[in-house]
Amino acid sequence: MAEIRPFRCIRPNKEVASKVAALPYDVYNRQEAKKEVEKNSLSFLAVDRAETQFLDDVDLHDPIVYAKAKEILEQWQREGILVSDETECYYVYELTMDGRSQTGIVACAAVDDYRNGVIKKHENTREDKEQDRICHVDVTDAHTGPISLSEIPRIFSSYIR
């Protein structure tokens, strides 16, 4: 059985949640992500795709890109755009699309359960994409792109605590 645990979420302040909410980082190419962030500076893509803060000749995997993600994440926490829950929680959400609703939980899962096949992979991720996210997590000290274990898109603005 997979091990899941509660965690202390860093999430958008309710007043700005709709502005911070963004589609997953990997549904955009670099130019599309940049346009989204230009239209909305509070889009979470500014953190998930921090290369949007640089000229196009800056490599996506340059250490300055990951450092910028950390800088923005910390700045938004200081400014109260992102807030941290005081206690560890499981988060319940409901997602409705095309008249159908699904309810799920957001929790931490053990990496070993994923690696050992206890949690079944829902996709085979390219190694370069994995390395990018590993660097992003290492530098920001945050897992900003939850892995969906049931192929439900992540959401920021709908949660129940």
N, C-alpha and C. Protein backbone atom coordinates (compact mmCIF):
# COMPACT_ATOMS: atom_id res chain seq x y z
N MET A 1 0.84 -1.18 0.00
CA MET A 1 0.00 0.00 0.00
C MET A 1 0.89 1.24 0.00
N ALA A 2 0.51 2.22 -0.77
CA ALA A 2 1.27 3.47 -0.85
C ALA A 2 1.17 4.24 0.46
N GLU A 3 2.27 4.84 0.82
CA GLU A 3 2.30 5.68 2.01
C GLU A 3 2.03 7.12 1.58
N ILE A 4 1.01 7.74 2.18
CA ILE A 4 0.75 9.15 1.93
C ILE A 4 0.73 9.88 3.27
N ARG A 5 1.12 11.14 3.22
CA ARG A 5 1.20 11.94 4.45
C ARG A 5 0.66 13.34 4.21
N PRO A 6 0.22 13.97 5.28
CA PRO A 6 -0.18 15.38 5.17
C PRO A 6 1.06 16.26 5.04
N PHE A 7 0.87 17.51 4.67
CA PHE A 7 1.98 18.45 4.55
C PHE A 7 1.48 19.87 4.79
N ARG A 8 2.43 20.76 5.02
CA ARG A 8 2.11 22.19 5.17
C ARG A 8 2.19 22.82 3.79
N CYS A 9 1.07 23.20 3.29
CA CYS A 9 0.99 23.77 1.95
C CYS A 9 1.37 25.25 1.96
N ILE A 10 2.09 25.63 0.93
CA ILE A 10 2.28 27.05 0.63
C ILE A 10 1.37 27.29 -0.56
N ARG A 11 0.39 28.15 -0.38
CA ARG A 11 -0.65 28.32 -1.38
C ARG A 11 -0.98 29.81 -1.53
N PRO A 12 -1.68 30.16 -2.57
CA PRO A 12 -2.03 31.56 -2.77
C PRO A 12 -2.98 32.07 -1.70
N ASN A 13 -2.79 33.30 -1.33
CA ASN A 13 -3.74 34.03 -0.49
C ASN A 13 -5.07 34.02 -1.25
N LYS A 14 -6.16 33.82 -0.56
CA LYS A 14 -7.48 33.69 -1.22
C LYS A 14 -7.81 34.87 -2.12
N GLU A 15 -7.36 36.07 -1.76
CA GLU A 15 -7.68 37.26 -2.54
C GLU A 15 -7.02 37.25 -3.92
N VAL A 16 -5.91 36.53 -4.08
CA VAL A 16 -5.19 36.54 -5.36
C VAL A 16 -5.12 35.15 -5.99
N ALA A 17 -5.79 34.18 -5.40
CA ALA A 17 -5.68 32.80 -5.88
C ALA A 17 -6.02 32.66 -7.36
N SER A 18 -7.03 33.36 -7.82
CA SER A 18 -7.42 33.23 -9.23
C SER A 18 -6.35 33.81 -10.16
N LYS A 19 -5.57 34.77 -9.68
CA LYS A 19 -4.49 35.32 -10.50
C LYS A 19 -3.25 34.42 -10.48
N VAL A 20 -3.01 33.77 -9.36
CA VAL A 20 -1.83 32.91 -9.21
C VAL A 20 -2.05 31.58 -9.94
N ALA A 21 -3.27 31.10 -9.95
CA ALA A 21 -3.57 29.81 -10.57
C ALA A 21 -3.08 29.78 -12.01
N ALA A 22 -2.46 28.67 -12.38
CA ALA A 22 -1.94 28.52 -13.74
C ALA A 22 -2.06 27.06 -14.16
N LEU A 23 -2.15 26.86 -15.45
CA LEU A 23 -2.10 25.50 -15.96
C LEU A 23 -0.71 24.92 -15.66
N PRO A 24 -0.55 23.62 -15.74
CA PRO A 24 0.76 23.01 -15.48
C PRO A 24 1.83 23.61 -16.40
N TYR A 25 3.02 23.74 -15.87
CA TYR A 25 4.12 24.39 -16.59
C TYR A 25 4.43 23.74 -17.93
N ASP A 26 4.19 22.45 -18.06
CA ASP A 26 4.61 21.76 -19.27
C ASP A 26 3.58 21.76 -20.40
N VAL A 27 2.49 22.49 -20.23
CA VAL A 27 1.56 22.62 -21.34
C VAL A 27 1.89 23.83 -22.21
N TYR A 28 2.86 24.62 -21.77
CA TYR A 28 3.29 25.81 -22.49
C TYR A 28 4.68 25.61 -23.07
N ASN A 29 4.92 26.15 -24.25
CA ASN A 29 6.31 26.28 -24.69
C ASN A 29 6.84 27.59 -24.09
N ARG A 30 8.10 27.85 -24.31
CA ARG A 30 8.73 29.02 -23.68
C ARG A 30 8.02 30.32 -24.04
N GLN A 31 7.71 30.51 -25.30
CA GLN A 31 7.08 31.76 -25.73
C GLN A 31 5.67 31.91 -25.18
N GLU A 32 4.91 30.83 -25.16
CA GLU A 32 3.56 30.87 -24.60
C GLU A 32 3.60 31.20 -23.12
N ALA A 33 4.53 30.59 -22.39
CA ALA A 33 4.67 30.86 -20.95
C ALA A 33 5.04 32.32 -20.73
N LYS A 34 5.95 32.82 -21.54
CA LYS A 34 6.38 34.21 -21.41
C LYS A 34 5.21 35.17 -21.62
N LYS A 35 4.37 34.90 -22.63
CA LYS A 35 3.21 35.75 -22.89
C LYS A 35 2.22 35.72 -21.72
N GLU A 36 2.01 34.54 -21.13
CA GLU A 36 1.11 34.42 -19.99
C GLU A 36 1.61 35.26 -18.81
N VAL A 37 2.90 35.20 -18.54
CA VAL A 37 3.48 35.94 -17.42
C VAL A 37 3.47 37.44 -17.71
N GLU A 38 3.66 37.82 -18.96
CA GLU A 38 3.57 39.25 -19.32
C GLU A 38 2.16 39.78 -19.10
N LYS A 39 1.15 38.95 -19.42
CA LYS A 39 -0.25 39.35 -19.22
C LYS A 39 -0.61 39.39 -17.74
N ASN A 40 -0.01 38.50 -16.95
CA ASN A 40 -0.37 38.36 -15.54
C ASN A 40 0.90 38.06 -14.74
N SER A 41 1.46 39.06 -14.13
CA SER A 41 2.73 38.90 -13.41
C SER A 41 2.61 37.99 -12.18
N LEU A 42 1.38 37.73 -11.73
CA LEU A 42 1.18 36.84 -10.58
C LEU A 42 0.94 35.39 -10.99
N SER A 43 0.96 35.11 -12.28
CA SER A 43 0.79 33.73 -12.72
C SER A 43 1.90 32.87 -12.12
N PHE A 44 1.52 31.70 -11.62
CA PHE A 44 2.51 30.81 -11.02
C PHE A 44 3.56 30.35 -12.02
N LEU A 45 3.30 30.56 -13.29
CA LEU A 45 4.30 30.26 -14.31
C LEU A 45 5.58 31.05 -14.09
N ALA A 46 5.48 32.21 -13.44
CA ALA A 46 6.68 32.99 -13.14
C ALA A 46 7.65 32.20 -12.26
N VAL A 47 7.11 31.31 -11.43
CA VAL A 47 7.93 30.44 -10.58
C VAL A 47 8.26 29.15 -11.32
N ASP A 48 7.25 28.50 -11.86
CA ASP A 48 7.46 27.21 -12.53
C ASP A 48 8.27 27.33 -13.81
N ARG A 49 8.17 28.45 -14.49
CA ARG A 49 8.90 28.68 -15.73
C ARG A 49 9.64 30.01 -15.60
N ALA A 50 10.59 30.06 -14.68
CA ALA A 50 11.29 31.32 -14.37
C ALA A 50 12.11 31.85 -15.54
N GLU A 51 12.33 31.03 -16.57
CA GLU A 51 13.01 31.55 -17.76
C GLU A 51 12.21 32.66 -18.42
N THR A 52 10.92 32.79 -18.05
CA THR A 52 10.08 33.86 -18.57
C THR A 52 10.59 35.23 -18.13
N GLN A 53 11.46 35.25 -17.13
CA GLN A 53 12.01 36.50 -16.59
C GLN A 53 13.27 36.96 -17.33
N PHE A 54 13.71 36.17 -18.30
CA PHE A 54 14.98 36.43 -18.98
C PHE A 54 14.78 36.53 -20.49
N LEU A 55 15.80 37.07 -21.14
CA LEU A 55 15.81 37.09 -22.60
C LEU A 55 15.87 35.65 -23.12
N ASP A 56 15.42 35.47 -24.32
CA ASP A 56 15.32 34.13 -24.89
C ASP A 56 16.66 33.42 -25.06
N ASP A 57 17.76 34.16 -25.05
CA ASP A 57 19.07 33.51 -25.23
C ASP A 57 19.61 32.89 -23.94
N VAL A 58 18.91 33.07 -22.82
CA VAL A 58 19.31 32.43 -21.57
C VAL A 58 18.79 30.99 -21.59
N ASP A 59 19.69 30.05 -21.38
CA ASP A 59 19.34 28.63 -21.40
C ASP A 59 18.31 28.32 -20.31
N LEU A 60 17.32 27.50 -20.67
CA LEU A 60 16.26 27.10 -19.72
C LEU A 60 16.82 26.47 -18.46
N HIS A 61 17.98 25.83 -18.57
CA HIS A 61 18.56 25.08 -17.46
C HIS A 61 19.73 25.79 -16.80
N ASP A 62 19.90 27.05 -17.12
CA ASP A 62 20.96 27.84 -16.50
C ASP A 62 20.65 27.99 -15.00
N PRO A 63 21.65 27.86 -14.15
CA PRO A 63 21.41 28.02 -12.70
C PRO A 63 20.72 29.33 -12.32
N ILE A 64 20.91 30.39 -13.11
CA ILE A 64 20.24 31.65 -12.76
C ILE A 64 18.72 31.55 -12.90
N VAL A 65 18.26 30.66 -13.76
CA VAL A 65 16.82 30.47 -13.93
C VAL A 65 16.22 29.86 -12.66
N TYR A 66 16.86 28.83 -12.14
CA TYR A 66 16.37 28.20 -10.90
C TYR A 66 16.48 29.16 -9.71
N ALA A 67 17.56 29.94 -9.68
CA ALA A 67 17.73 30.93 -8.60
C ALA A 67 16.61 31.98 -8.67
N LYS A 68 16.22 32.35 -9.87
CA LYS A 68 15.13 33.33 -10.03
C LYS A 68 13.81 32.75 -9.54
N ALA A 69 13.57 31.47 -9.80
CA ALA A 69 12.36 30.81 -9.30
C ALA A 69 12.31 30.89 -7.77
N LYS A 70 13.44 30.60 -7.13
CA LYS A 70 13.51 30.67 -5.67
C LYS A 70 13.26 32.10 -5.18
N GLU A 71 13.87 33.06 -5.86
CA GLU A 71 13.71 34.47 -5.49
C GLU A 71 12.25 34.90 -5.55
N ILE A 72 11.56 34.54 -6.63
CA ILE A 72 10.15 34.92 -6.78
C ILE A 72 9.30 34.22 -5.73
N LEU A 73 9.53 32.94 -5.51
CA LEU A 73 8.78 32.18 -4.51
C LEU A 73 8.92 32.83 -3.13
N GLU A 74 10.14 33.16 -2.75
CA GLU A 74 10.38 33.78 -1.44
C GLU A 74 9.79 35.18 -1.36
N GLN A 75 9.89 35.94 -2.44
CA GLN A 75 9.32 37.29 -2.48
C GLN A 75 7.81 37.24 -2.30
N TRP A 76 7.15 36.33 -3.02
CA TRP A 76 5.69 36.21 -2.90
C TRP A 76 5.28 35.77 -1.50
N GLN A 77 6.11 35.00 -0.83
CA GLN A 77 5.80 34.62 0.56
C GLN A 77 5.94 35.84 1.47
N ARG A 78 7.01 36.61 1.29
CA ARG A 78 7.18 37.82 2.11
C ARG A 78 6.04 38.82 1.90
N GLU A 79 5.57 38.93 0.66
CA GLU A 79 4.51 39.88 0.31
C GLU A 79 3.11 39.38 0.66
N GLY A 80 2.99 38.13 1.09
CA GLY A 80 1.69 37.58 1.44
C GLY A 80 0.89 37.09 0.25
N ILE A 81 1.48 37.08 -0.93
CA ILE A 81 0.81 36.52 -2.10
C ILE A 81 0.63 35.02 -1.89
N LEU A 82 1.67 34.39 -1.36
CA LEU A 82 1.62 32.99 -0.97
C LEU A 82 1.67 32.91 0.54
N VAL A 83 0.84 32.05 1.11
CA VAL A 83 0.79 31.88 2.55
C VAL A 83 1.02 30.41 2.89
N SER A 84 1.53 30.18 4.07
CA SER A 84 1.81 28.82 4.51
C SER A 84 0.81 28.43 5.59
N ASP A 85 0.26 27.24 5.46
CA ASP A 85 -0.62 26.74 6.51
C ASP A 85 0.20 26.45 7.76
N GLU A 86 -0.42 26.60 8.91
CA GLU A 86 0.28 26.42 10.18
C GLU A 86 0.49 24.96 10.55
N THR A 87 -0.41 24.11 10.10
CA THR A 87 -0.32 22.69 10.44
C THR A 87 -0.29 21.84 9.17
N GLU A 88 0.19 20.63 9.34
CA GLU A 88 0.16 19.69 8.21
C GLU A 88 -1.28 19.26 7.97
N CYS A 89 -1.64 19.15 6.71
CA CYS A 89 -3.02 18.82 6.35
C CYS A 89 -3.04 17.89 5.13
N TYR A 90 -4.16 17.22 4.96
CA TYR A 90 -4.53 16.62 3.69
C TYR A 90 -5.48 17.64 3.07
N TYR A 91 -5.41 17.82 1.78
CA TYR A 91 -6.26 18.79 1.11
C TYR A 91 -7.24 18.04 0.23
N VAL A 92 -8.50 18.45 0.31
CA VAL A 92 -9.56 17.84 -0.49
C VAL A 92 -9.97 18.87 -1.53
N TYR A 93 -10.13 18.42 -2.75
CA TYR A 93 -10.58 19.32 -3.80
C TYR A 93 -11.61 18.64 -4.67
N GLU A 94 -12.37 19.49 -5.37
CA GLU A 94 -13.31 18.99 -6.35
C GLU A 94 -13.05 19.73 -7.65
N LEU A 95 -12.95 18.98 -8.73
CA LEU A 95 -12.71 19.54 -10.05
C LEU A 95 -13.89 19.18 -10.94
N THR A 96 -14.50 20.18 -11.57
CA THR A 96 -15.63 19.93 -12.45
C THR A 96 -15.27 20.38 -13.85
N MET A 97 -15.51 19.48 -14.81
CA MET A 97 -15.25 19.80 -16.21
C MET A 97 -16.28 19.09 -17.07
N ASP A 98 -16.85 19.81 -17.99
CA ASP A 98 -17.85 19.25 -18.90
C ASP A 98 -18.98 18.53 -18.15
N GLY A 99 -19.40 19.12 -17.03
CA GLY A 99 -20.52 18.58 -16.27
C GLY A 99 -20.20 17.39 -15.38
N ARG A 100 -18.95 16.95 -15.37
CA ARG A 100 -18.56 15.83 -14.51
C ARG A 100 -17.64 16.35 -13.41
N SER A 101 -17.83 15.82 -12.22
CA SER A 101 -17.01 16.23 -11.08
C SER A 101 -16.19 15.07 -10.57
N GLN A 102 -14.98 15.38 -10.14
CA GLN A 102 -14.12 14.41 -9.46
C GLN A 102 -13.63 15.06 -8.18
N THR A 103 -13.58 14.28 -7.14
CA THR A 103 -13.06 14.75 -5.87
C THR A 103 -11.79 13.97 -5.57
N GLY A 104 -10.82 14.64 -5.02
CA GLY A 104 -9.56 13.96 -4.72
C GLY A 104 -8.88 14.59 -3.54
N ILE A 105 -7.73 14.04 -3.20
CA ILE A 105 -6.93 14.59 -2.12
C ILE A 105 -5.57 15.00 -2.67
N VAL A 106 -4.97 15.94 -1.98
CA VAL A 106 -3.60 16.34 -2.26
C VAL A 106 -2.83 15.98 -1.00
N ALA A 107 -1.78 15.20 -1.17
CA ALA A 107 -0.97 14.72 -0.05
C ALA A 107 0.43 14.43 -0.56
N CYS A 108 1.33 14.15 0.33
CA CYS A 108 2.68 13.73 -0.05
C CYS A 108 2.70 12.21 -0.19
N ALA A 109 3.37 11.75 -1.21
CA ALA A 109 3.55 10.31 -1.42
C ALA A 109 5.04 10.01 -1.38
N ALA A 110 5.38 8.81 -0.97
CA ALA A 110 6.78 8.41 -0.85
C ALA A 110 7.39 8.18 -2.23
N VAL A 111 8.53 8.79 -2.48
CA VAL A 111 9.23 8.61 -3.75
C VAL A 111 9.55 7.13 -3.97
N ASP A 112 9.95 6.43 -2.91
CA ASP A 112 10.27 5.01 -3.05
C ASP A 112 9.07 4.20 -3.52
N ASP A 113 7.86 4.58 -3.08
CA ASP A 113 6.65 3.88 -3.55
C ASP A 113 6.47 4.09 -5.05
N TYR A 114 6.84 5.25 -5.53
CA TYR A 114 6.76 5.54 -6.96
C TYR A 114 7.82 4.76 -7.73
N ARG A 115 9.04 4.80 -7.22
CA ARG A 115 10.15 4.10 -7.88
C ARG A 115 9.96 2.58 -7.88
N ASN A 116 9.38 2.04 -6.81
CA ASN A 116 9.23 0.59 -6.67
C ASN A 116 7.94 0.05 -7.28
N GLY A 117 7.14 0.91 -7.89
CA GLY A 117 5.93 0.46 -8.57
C GLY A 117 4.71 0.30 -7.69
N VAL A 118 4.80 0.68 -6.41
CA VAL A 118 3.62 0.64 -5.54
C VAL A 118 2.61 1.67 -6.07
N ILE A 119 3.12 2.81 -6.48
CA ILE A 119 2.32 3.82 -7.17
C ILE A 119 2.63 3.64 -8.65
N LYS A 120 1.62 3.38 -9.43
CA LYS A 120 1.81 3.13 -10.86
C LYS A 120 2.06 4.45 -11.59
N LYS A 121 3.05 4.46 -12.45
CA LYS A 121 3.34 5.64 -13.26
C LYS A 121 2.20 5.87 -14.25
N HIS A 122 1.77 7.12 -14.35
CA HIS A 122 0.72 7.43 -15.32
C HIS A 122 1.29 7.94 -16.64
N GLU A 123 2.60 8.15 -16.68
CA GLU A 123 3.26 8.53 -17.92
C GLU A 123 4.75 8.25 -17.79
N ASN A 124 5.40 8.08 -18.91
CA ASN A 124 6.85 7.96 -18.91
C ASN A 124 7.42 9.33 -19.23
N THR A 125 8.06 9.93 -18.25
CA THR A 125 8.58 11.28 -18.39
C THR A 125 9.98 11.24 -18.97
N ARG A 126 10.25 12.17 -19.86
CA ARG A 126 11.59 12.27 -20.45
C ARG A 126 12.60 12.63 -19.37
N GLU A 127 13.80 12.07 -19.49
CA GLU A 127 14.83 12.29 -18.48
C GLU A 127 15.21 13.77 -18.36
N ASP A 128 15.29 14.50 -19.48
CA ASP A 128 15.65 15.91 -19.40
C ASP A 128 14.60 16.71 -18.62
N LYS A 129 13.33 16.33 -18.78
CA LYS A 129 12.25 16.99 -18.04
C LYS A 129 12.35 16.68 -16.55
N GLU A 130 12.66 15.43 -16.23
CA GLU A 130 12.84 15.04 -14.82
C GLU A 130 14.00 15.81 -14.20
N GLN A 131 15.12 15.89 -14.91
CA GLN A 131 16.29 16.59 -14.38
C GLN A 131 15.98 18.07 -14.14
N ASP A 132 15.23 18.68 -15.04
CA ASP A 132 14.83 20.07 -14.87
C ASP A 132 14.04 20.25 -13.58
N ARG A 133 13.06 19.37 -13.34
CA ARG A 133 12.24 19.51 -12.13
C ARG A 133 13.04 19.17 -10.88
N ILE A 134 13.97 18.23 -10.97
CA ILE A 134 14.83 17.92 -9.82
C ILE A 134 15.65 19.15 -9.44
N CYS A 135 16.23 19.82 -10.42
CA CYS A 135 16.99 21.05 -10.14
C CYS A 135 16.08 22.12 -9.56
N HIS A 136 14.88 22.23 -10.10
CA HIS A 136 13.92 23.23 -9.62
C HIS A 136 13.59 22.98 -8.15
N VAL A 137 13.32 21.74 -7.80
CA VAL A 137 13.01 21.38 -6.41
C VAL A 137 14.21 21.63 -5.51
N ASP A 138 15.40 21.21 -5.95
CA ASP A 138 16.61 21.39 -5.14
C ASP A 138 16.88 22.85 -4.82
N VAL A 139 16.76 23.72 -5.82
CA VAL A 139 17.08 25.13 -5.62
C VAL A 139 15.98 25.86 -4.86
N THR A 140 14.72 25.63 -5.22
CA THR A 140 13.62 26.36 -4.56
C THR A 140 13.27 25.78 -3.21
N ASP A 141 13.69 24.56 -2.95
CA ASP A 141 13.32 23.83 -1.73
C ASP A 141 11.80 23.71 -1.62
N ALA A 142 11.18 23.53 -2.78
CA ALA A 142 9.72 23.40 -2.84
C ALA A 142 9.37 22.53 -4.03
N HIS A 143 8.35 21.73 -3.87
CA HIS A 143 7.85 20.94 -5.00
C HIS A 143 6.68 21.72 -5.57
N THR A 144 6.95 22.51 -6.59
CA THR A 144 5.95 23.44 -7.11
C THR A 144 5.03 22.82 -8.15
N GLY A 145 5.36 21.64 -8.62
CA GLY A 145 4.54 21.00 -9.64
C GLY A 145 4.11 19.63 -9.18
N PRO A 146 3.02 19.55 -8.43
CA PRO A 146 2.58 18.25 -7.92
C PRO A 146 2.46 17.21 -9.02
N ILE A 147 2.75 15.98 -8.69
CA ILE A 147 2.59 14.87 -9.61
C ILE A 147 1.20 14.31 -9.39
N SER A 148 0.43 14.28 -10.45
CA SER A 148 -0.91 13.74 -10.35
C SER A 148 -0.85 12.23 -10.45
N LEU A 149 -1.32 11.56 -9.43
CA LEU A 149 -1.32 10.11 -9.43
C LEU A 149 -2.57 9.55 -10.08
N SER A 150 -3.50 10.44 -10.45
CA SER A 150 -4.72 9.96 -11.11
C SER A 150 -5.04 10.77 -12.35
N GLU A 151 -4.07 11.49 -12.86
CA GLU A 151 -4.20 12.29 -14.08
C GLU A 151 -5.27 13.37 -13.98
N ILE A 152 -5.36 14.00 -12.82
CA ILE A 152 -6.25 15.13 -12.63
C ILE A 152 -5.36 16.38 -12.57
N PRO A 153 -5.65 17.41 -13.36
CA PRO A 153 -4.80 18.60 -13.35
C PRO A 153 -4.72 19.24 -11.97
N ARG A 154 -3.59 19.84 -11.66
CA ARG A 154 -3.47 20.50 -10.38
C ARG A 154 -4.30 21.78 -10.38
N ILE A 155 -4.76 22.16 -9.21
CA ILE A 155 -5.51 23.38 -9.07
C ILE A 155 -5.02 24.08 -7.81
N PHE A 156 -5.12 25.39 -7.80
CA PHE A 156 -4.67 26.13 -6.64
C PHE A 156 -5.84 26.79 -5.90
N SER A 157 -6.85 27.19 -6.62
CA SER A 157 -7.86 28.02 -6.00
C SER A 157 -8.99 27.27 -5.33
N SER A 158 -9.11 25.97 -5.55
CA SER A 158 -10.20 25.22 -4.91
C SER A 158 -9.62 24.23 -3.92
N TYR A 159 -9.83 24.47 -2.66
CA TYR A 159 -9.35 23.53 -1.65
C TYR A 159 -10.26 23.60 -0.45
N ILE A 160 -10.27 22.55 0.31
CA ILE A 160 -11.01 22.50 1.57
C ILE A 160 -10.02 22.05 2.61
N ARG A 161 -9.99 22.67 3.72
CA ARG A 161 -9.03 22.33 4.75
C ARG A 161 -9.76 21.78 5.95
